[in-house]
Amino acid sequence: MIPAAGLVVGLVIGLFFHPEVPLWLQPYLPIAVIAALDAIFGAVRAVLDGIFDDKVFVVSFLSNVVVAGLIVFLGDQLGVGSQLSTGVVVVLGLRIFSNVASIRRHLLKA
């Protein structure tokens, strides 16, 4: 219940204050969101499998975001930022769809 309340509070704050993302952070934000979604869908899958561990979720969430951001940063420094960003999106996208398929099988038995 606490995470859901935190999500609602965060959304309300964001809607009222319209935070501005700094220009230097804008290339990393979409990758961070996709990495966070991967961790969230993995957590939902773990809950349905009965193996959820909150410590694993927190570490997975933070490490996904940090590693994805570092990969994009490294790509920017090497001059291949868009290619590495695409790679990160593809890999995390595949993981998200795999987790969603597993969630669907659990919920719909199909």
N, C-alpha and C. Protein backbone atom coordinates (compact mmCIF):
# COMPACT_ATOMS: atom_id res chain seq x y z
N MET A 1 0.83 -1.20 0.00
CA MET A 1 0.00 0.00 0.00
C MET A 1 0.87 1.26 0.00
N ILE A 2 1.99 1.22 0.70
CA ILE A 2 2.87 2.38 0.78
C ILE A 2 3.45 2.74 -0.59
N PRO A 3 3.91 1.76 -1.40
CA PRO A 3 4.41 2.13 -2.74
C PRO A 3 3.34 2.78 -3.61
N ALA A 4 2.11 2.28 -3.54
CA ALA A 4 1.04 2.87 -4.33
C ALA A 4 0.75 4.30 -3.88
N ALA A 5 0.76 4.52 -2.58
CA ALA A 5 0.55 5.88 -2.06
C ALA A 5 1.69 6.80 -2.50
N GLY A 6 2.92 6.30 -2.47
CA GLY A 6 4.06 7.09 -2.93
C GLY A 6 3.95 7.44 -4.39
N LEU A 7 3.47 6.50 -5.21
CA LEU A 7 3.26 6.77 -6.63
C LEU A 7 2.23 7.86 -6.84
N VAL A 8 1.12 7.79 -6.13
CA VAL A 8 0.07 8.80 -6.26
C VAL A 8 0.58 10.16 -5.81
N VAL A 9 1.28 10.22 -4.69
CA VAL A 9 1.83 11.49 -4.20
C VAL A 9 2.82 12.07 -5.22
N GLY A 10 3.69 11.21 -5.77
CA GLY A 10 4.65 11.67 -6.77
C GLY A 10 3.98 12.21 -8.02
N LEU A 11 2.94 11.53 -8.47
CA LEU A 11 2.20 12.01 -9.65
C LEU A 11 1.52 13.35 -9.39
N VAL A 12 0.91 13.49 -8.22
CA VAL A 12 0.24 14.76 -7.88
C VAL A 12 1.26 15.89 -7.80
N ILE A 13 2.38 15.64 -7.15
CA ILE A 13 3.42 16.67 -7.05
C ILE A 13 3.92 17.06 -8.44
N GLY A 14 4.14 16.05 -9.29
CA GLY A 14 4.60 16.33 -10.65
C GLY A 14 3.59 17.12 -11.46
N LEU A 15 2.31 16.84 -11.28
CA LEU A 15 1.28 17.57 -12.02
C LEU A 15 1.15 19.01 -11.55
N PHE A 16 1.34 19.26 -10.27
CA PHE A 16 1.18 20.61 -9.76
C PHE A 16 2.42 21.49 -9.95
N PHE A 17 3.60 20.91 -9.82
CA PHE A 17 4.81 21.72 -9.86
C PHE A 17 5.53 21.72 -11.21
N HIS A 18 5.13 20.82 -12.13
CA HIS A 18 5.73 20.76 -13.47
C HIS A 18 7.26 20.83 -13.41
N PRO A 19 7.90 19.82 -12.84
CA PRO A 19 9.36 19.88 -12.72
C PRO A 19 10.01 19.89 -14.10
N GLU A 20 11.11 20.59 -14.19
CA GLU A 20 11.84 20.69 -15.45
C GLU A 20 13.09 19.82 -15.36
N VAL A 21 13.27 18.98 -16.35
CA VAL A 21 14.44 18.10 -16.39
C VAL A 21 15.60 18.90 -16.96
N PRO A 22 16.74 18.93 -16.27
CA PRO A 22 17.89 19.66 -16.80
C PRO A 22 18.31 19.12 -18.17
N LEU A 23 18.82 19.99 -19.00
CA LEU A 23 19.18 19.63 -20.37
C LEU A 23 20.20 18.49 -20.41
N TRP A 24 21.17 18.49 -19.49
CA TRP A 24 22.20 17.45 -19.51
C TRP A 24 21.65 16.09 -19.12
N LEU A 25 20.49 16.05 -18.43
CA LEU A 25 19.91 14.80 -17.97
C LEU A 25 18.90 14.21 -18.96
N GLN A 26 18.44 15.01 -19.90
CA GLN A 26 17.39 14.58 -20.81
C GLN A 26 17.71 13.33 -21.62
N PRO A 27 18.94 13.13 -22.11
CA PRO A 27 19.19 11.89 -22.86
C PRO A 27 19.13 10.62 -22.01
N TYR A 28 19.31 10.77 -20.70
CA TYR A 28 19.36 9.60 -19.82
C TYR A 28 18.01 9.25 -19.21
N LEU A 29 17.09 10.18 -19.18
CA LEU A 29 15.81 9.95 -18.52
C LEU A 29 14.99 8.84 -19.17
N PRO A 30 14.83 8.80 -20.49
CA PRO A 30 14.05 7.70 -21.07
C PRO A 30 14.67 6.33 -20.79
N ILE A 31 15.98 6.25 -20.83
CA ILE A 31 16.65 4.98 -20.55
C ILE A 31 16.44 4.58 -19.09
N ALA A 32 16.50 5.54 -18.19
CA ALA A 32 16.28 5.26 -16.77
C ALA A 32 14.84 4.78 -16.53
N VAL A 33 13.88 5.37 -17.23
CA VAL A 33 12.48 4.96 -17.08
C VAL A 33 12.30 3.52 -17.56
N ILE A 34 12.90 3.18 -18.70
CA ILE A 34 12.78 1.81 -19.23
C ILE A 34 13.46 0.82 -18.29
N ALA A 35 14.60 1.19 -17.73
CA ALA A 35 15.29 0.31 -16.78
C ALA A 35 14.44 0.12 -15.52
N ALA A 36 13.81 1.18 -15.06
CA ALA A 36 12.94 1.08 -13.88
C ALA A 36 11.72 0.20 -14.17
N LEU A 37 11.15 0.35 -15.36
CA LEU A 37 10.00 -0.49 -15.73
C LEU A 37 10.39 -1.96 -15.77
N ASP A 38 11.59 -2.25 -16.25
CA ASP A 38 12.07 -3.63 -16.26
C ASP A 38 12.10 -4.19 -14.84
N ALA A 39 12.62 -3.42 -13.91
CA ALA A 39 12.68 -3.89 -12.52
C ALA A 39 11.28 -4.06 -11.94
N ILE A 40 10.37 -3.17 -12.26
CA ILE A 40 9.01 -3.26 -11.73
C ILE A 40 8.28 -4.49 -12.27
N PHE A 41 8.37 -4.71 -13.59
CA PHE A 41 7.71 -5.89 -14.14
C PHE A 41 8.36 -7.18 -13.63
N GLY A 42 9.67 -7.15 -13.41
CA GLY A 42 10.34 -8.30 -12.81
C GLY A 42 9.84 -8.56 -11.40
N ALA A 43 9.58 -7.49 -10.66
CA ALA A 43 9.06 -7.64 -9.30
C ALA A 43 7.65 -8.22 -9.30
N VAL A 44 6.81 -7.75 -10.22
CA VAL A 44 5.45 -8.29 -10.32
C VAL A 44 5.51 -9.78 -10.64
N ARG A 45 6.40 -10.14 -11.58
CA ARG A 45 6.56 -11.55 -11.93
C ARG A 45 7.02 -12.35 -10.71
N ALA A 46 7.96 -11.82 -9.94
CA ALA A 46 8.46 -12.51 -8.76
C ALA A 46 7.36 -12.69 -7.72
N VAL A 47 6.51 -11.69 -7.58
CA VAL A 47 5.39 -11.81 -6.63
C VAL A 47 4.47 -12.95 -7.05
N LEU A 48 4.17 -13.02 -8.34
CA LEU A 48 3.29 -14.08 -8.82
C LEU A 48 3.95 -15.46 -8.73
N ASP A 49 5.27 -15.51 -8.85
CA ASP A 49 6.00 -16.77 -8.70
C ASP A 49 6.21 -17.14 -7.24
N GLY A 50 5.94 -16.19 -6.34
CA GLY A 50 6.10 -16.44 -4.91
C GLY A 50 7.54 -16.34 -4.44
N ILE A 51 8.39 -15.62 -5.20
CA ILE A 51 9.80 -15.53 -4.82
C ILE A 51 10.25 -14.08 -4.65
N PHE A 52 9.31 -13.17 -4.44
CA PHE A 52 9.66 -11.75 -4.31
C PHE A 52 10.45 -11.50 -3.04
N ASP A 53 11.51 -10.70 -3.19
CA ASP A 53 12.31 -10.26 -2.05
C ASP A 53 12.52 -8.76 -2.20
N ASP A 54 12.11 -8.00 -1.20
CA ASP A 54 12.18 -6.54 -1.32
C ASP A 54 13.60 -6.03 -1.49
N LYS A 55 14.57 -6.67 -0.85
CA LYS A 55 15.96 -6.23 -1.00
C LYS A 55 16.44 -6.46 -2.43
N VAL A 56 16.09 -7.59 -3.00
CA VAL A 56 16.47 -7.88 -4.39
C VAL A 56 15.83 -6.86 -5.32
N PHE A 57 14.57 -6.50 -5.04
CA PHE A 57 13.90 -5.52 -5.89
C PHE A 57 14.60 -4.17 -5.84
N VAL A 58 14.93 -3.69 -4.65
CA VAL A 58 15.58 -2.39 -4.52
C VAL A 58 16.94 -2.39 -5.23
N VAL A 59 17.71 -3.44 -5.00
CA VAL A 59 19.03 -3.52 -5.65
C VAL A 59 18.87 -3.62 -7.16
N SER A 60 17.92 -4.41 -7.63
CA SER A 60 17.68 -4.55 -9.06
C SER A 60 17.23 -3.22 -9.67
N PHE A 61 16.33 -2.53 -9.01
CA PHE A 61 15.83 -1.25 -9.50
C PHE A 61 16.97 -0.25 -9.64
N LEU A 62 17.73 -0.09 -8.57
CA LEU A 62 18.82 0.89 -8.59
C LEU A 62 19.93 0.51 -9.57
N SER A 63 20.31 -0.76 -9.56
CA SER A 63 21.40 -1.17 -10.45
C SER A 63 20.98 -1.10 -11.91
N ASN A 64 19.74 -1.44 -12.24
CA ASN A 64 19.27 -1.31 -13.62
C ASN A 64 19.38 0.13 -14.10
N VAL A 65 18.91 1.05 -13.28
CA VAL A 65 18.92 2.45 -13.67
C VAL A 65 20.36 2.97 -13.80
N VAL A 66 21.20 2.64 -12.84
CA VAL A 66 22.59 3.13 -12.86
C VAL A 66 23.37 2.52 -14.03
N VAL A 67 23.27 1.21 -14.22
CA VAL A 67 24.02 0.57 -15.30
C VAL A 67 23.54 1.05 -16.67
N ALA A 68 22.22 1.17 -16.85
CA ALA A 68 21.71 1.67 -18.13
C ALA A 68 22.20 3.09 -18.38
N GLY A 69 22.17 3.93 -17.35
CA GLY A 69 22.67 5.30 -17.49
C GLY A 69 24.15 5.34 -17.80
N LEU A 70 24.93 4.48 -17.16
CA LEU A 70 26.36 4.43 -17.42
C LEU A 70 26.67 3.96 -18.85
N ILE A 71 25.90 3.00 -19.34
CA ILE A 71 26.10 2.54 -20.71
C ILE A 71 25.84 3.66 -21.70
N VAL A 72 24.75 4.40 -21.49
CA VAL A 72 24.44 5.52 -22.38
C VAL A 72 25.49 6.62 -22.25
N PHE A 73 25.93 6.89 -21.03
CA PHE A 73 26.99 7.89 -20.83
C PHE A 73 28.27 7.48 -21.55
N LEU A 74 28.65 6.22 -21.40
CA LEU A 74 29.84 5.72 -22.09
C LEU A 74 29.68 5.85 -23.60
N GLY A 75 28.50 5.53 -24.11
CA GLY A 75 28.25 5.67 -25.53
C GLY A 75 28.37 7.10 -25.99
N ASP A 76 27.89 8.04 -25.18
CA ASP A 76 28.02 9.47 -25.51
C ASP A 76 29.49 9.87 -25.56
N GLN A 77 30.27 9.37 -24.61
CA GLN A 77 31.69 9.72 -24.57
C GLN A 77 32.45 9.13 -25.76
N LEU A 78 32.02 7.98 -26.24
CA LEU A 78 32.67 7.33 -27.38
C LEU A 78 32.12 7.80 -28.72
N GLY A 79 31.04 8.58 -28.68
CA GLY A 79 30.44 9.08 -29.91
C GLY A 79 29.45 8.13 -30.54
N VAL A 80 29.04 7.11 -29.81
CA VAL A 80 28.07 6.14 -30.33
C VAL A 80 26.87 6.04 -29.38
N GLY A 81 26.48 7.17 -28.82
CA GLY A 81 25.42 7.20 -27.82
C GLY A 81 24.10 6.65 -28.30
N SER A 82 23.72 6.99 -29.53
CA SER A 82 22.42 6.53 -30.01
C SER A 82 22.41 5.02 -30.23
N GLN A 83 23.54 4.45 -30.68
CA GLN A 83 23.59 3.01 -30.89
C GLN A 83 23.50 2.26 -29.57
N LEU A 84 24.24 2.73 -28.56
CA LEU A 84 24.17 2.05 -27.27
C LEU A 84 22.82 2.27 -26.60
N SER A 85 22.22 3.43 -26.79
CA SER A 85 20.87 3.68 -26.25
C SER A 85 19.88 2.70 -26.87
N THR A 86 20.00 2.51 -28.18
CA THR A 86 19.11 1.57 -28.86
C THR A 86 19.33 0.15 -28.34
N GLY A 87 20.58 -0.22 -28.11
CA GLY A 87 20.87 -1.54 -27.56
C GLY A 87 20.25 -1.74 -26.18
N VAL A 88 20.37 -0.74 -25.34
CA VAL A 88 19.79 -0.83 -24.00
C VAL A 88 18.27 -0.95 -24.08
N VAL A 89 17.66 -0.15 -24.94
CA VAL A 89 16.20 -0.20 -25.09
C VAL A 89 15.76 -1.57 -25.60
N VAL A 90 16.48 -2.14 -26.56
CA VAL A 90 16.11 -3.44 -27.10
C VAL A 90 16.23 -4.52 -26.02
N VAL A 91 17.35 -4.56 -25.32
CA VAL A 91 17.55 -5.59 -24.30
C VAL A 91 16.52 -5.47 -23.18
N LEU A 92 16.34 -4.26 -22.66
CA LEU A 92 15.37 -4.09 -21.58
C LEU A 92 13.95 -4.29 -22.07
N GLY A 93 13.67 -3.90 -23.31
CA GLY A 93 12.35 -4.13 -23.89
C GLY A 93 12.04 -5.61 -23.99
N LEU A 94 13.02 -6.40 -24.42
CA LEU A 94 12.82 -7.85 -24.48
C LEU A 94 12.54 -8.42 -23.10
N ARG A 95 13.28 -7.95 -22.10
CA ARG A 95 13.04 -8.43 -20.74
C ARG A 95 11.65 -8.02 -20.24
N ILE A 96 11.23 -6.81 -20.55
CA ILE A 96 9.91 -6.36 -20.14
C ILE A 96 8.83 -7.23 -20.76
N PHE A 97 8.94 -7.48 -22.08
CA PHE A 97 7.93 -8.30 -22.74
C PHE A 97 7.96 -9.74 -22.24
N SER A 98 9.11 -10.26 -21.90
CA SER A 98 9.20 -11.60 -21.34
C SER A 98 8.50 -11.66 -19.98
N ASN A 99 8.72 -10.64 -19.16
CA ASN A 99 8.05 -10.60 -17.86
C ASN A 99 6.55 -10.43 -18.01
N VAL A 100 6.13 -9.59 -18.95
CA VAL A 100 4.69 -9.40 -19.18
C VAL A 100 4.05 -10.70 -19.65
N ALA A 101 4.75 -11.44 -20.51
CA ALA A 101 4.22 -12.73 -20.97
C ALA A 101 4.06 -13.69 -19.80
N SER A 102 5.03 -13.71 -18.90
CA SER A 102 4.94 -14.57 -17.73
C SER A 102 3.79 -14.13 -16.81
N ILE A 103 3.64 -12.83 -16.65
CA ILE A 103 2.53 -12.30 -15.83
C ILE A 103 1.20 -12.69 -16.45
N ARG A 104 1.10 -12.57 -17.77
CA ARG A 104 -0.13 -12.94 -18.47
C ARG A 104 -0.44 -14.42 -18.25
N ARG A 105 0.59 -15.29 -18.34
CA ARG A 105 0.37 -16.72 -18.14
C ARG A 105 -0.12 -17.00 -16.72
N HIS A 106 0.43 -16.28 -15.74
CA HIS A 106 0.00 -16.47 -14.35
C HIS A 106 -1.45 -16.03 -14.16
N LEU A 107 -1.79 -14.87 -14.70
CA LEU A 107 -3.12 -14.31 -14.44
C LEU A 107 -4.21 -14.95 -15.29
N LEU A 108 -3.91 -15.21 -16.55
CA LEU A 108 -4.95 -15.71 -17.46
C LEU A 108 -4.84 -17.21 -17.74
N LYS A 109 -3.82 -17.83 -17.19
CA LYS A 109 -3.58 -19.26 -17.41
C LYS A 109 -3.51 -19.58 -18.90
N ALA A 110 -2.95 -18.63 -19.66
CA ALA A 110 -2.85 -18.84 -21.12
C ALA A 110 -1.49 -18.42 -21.61
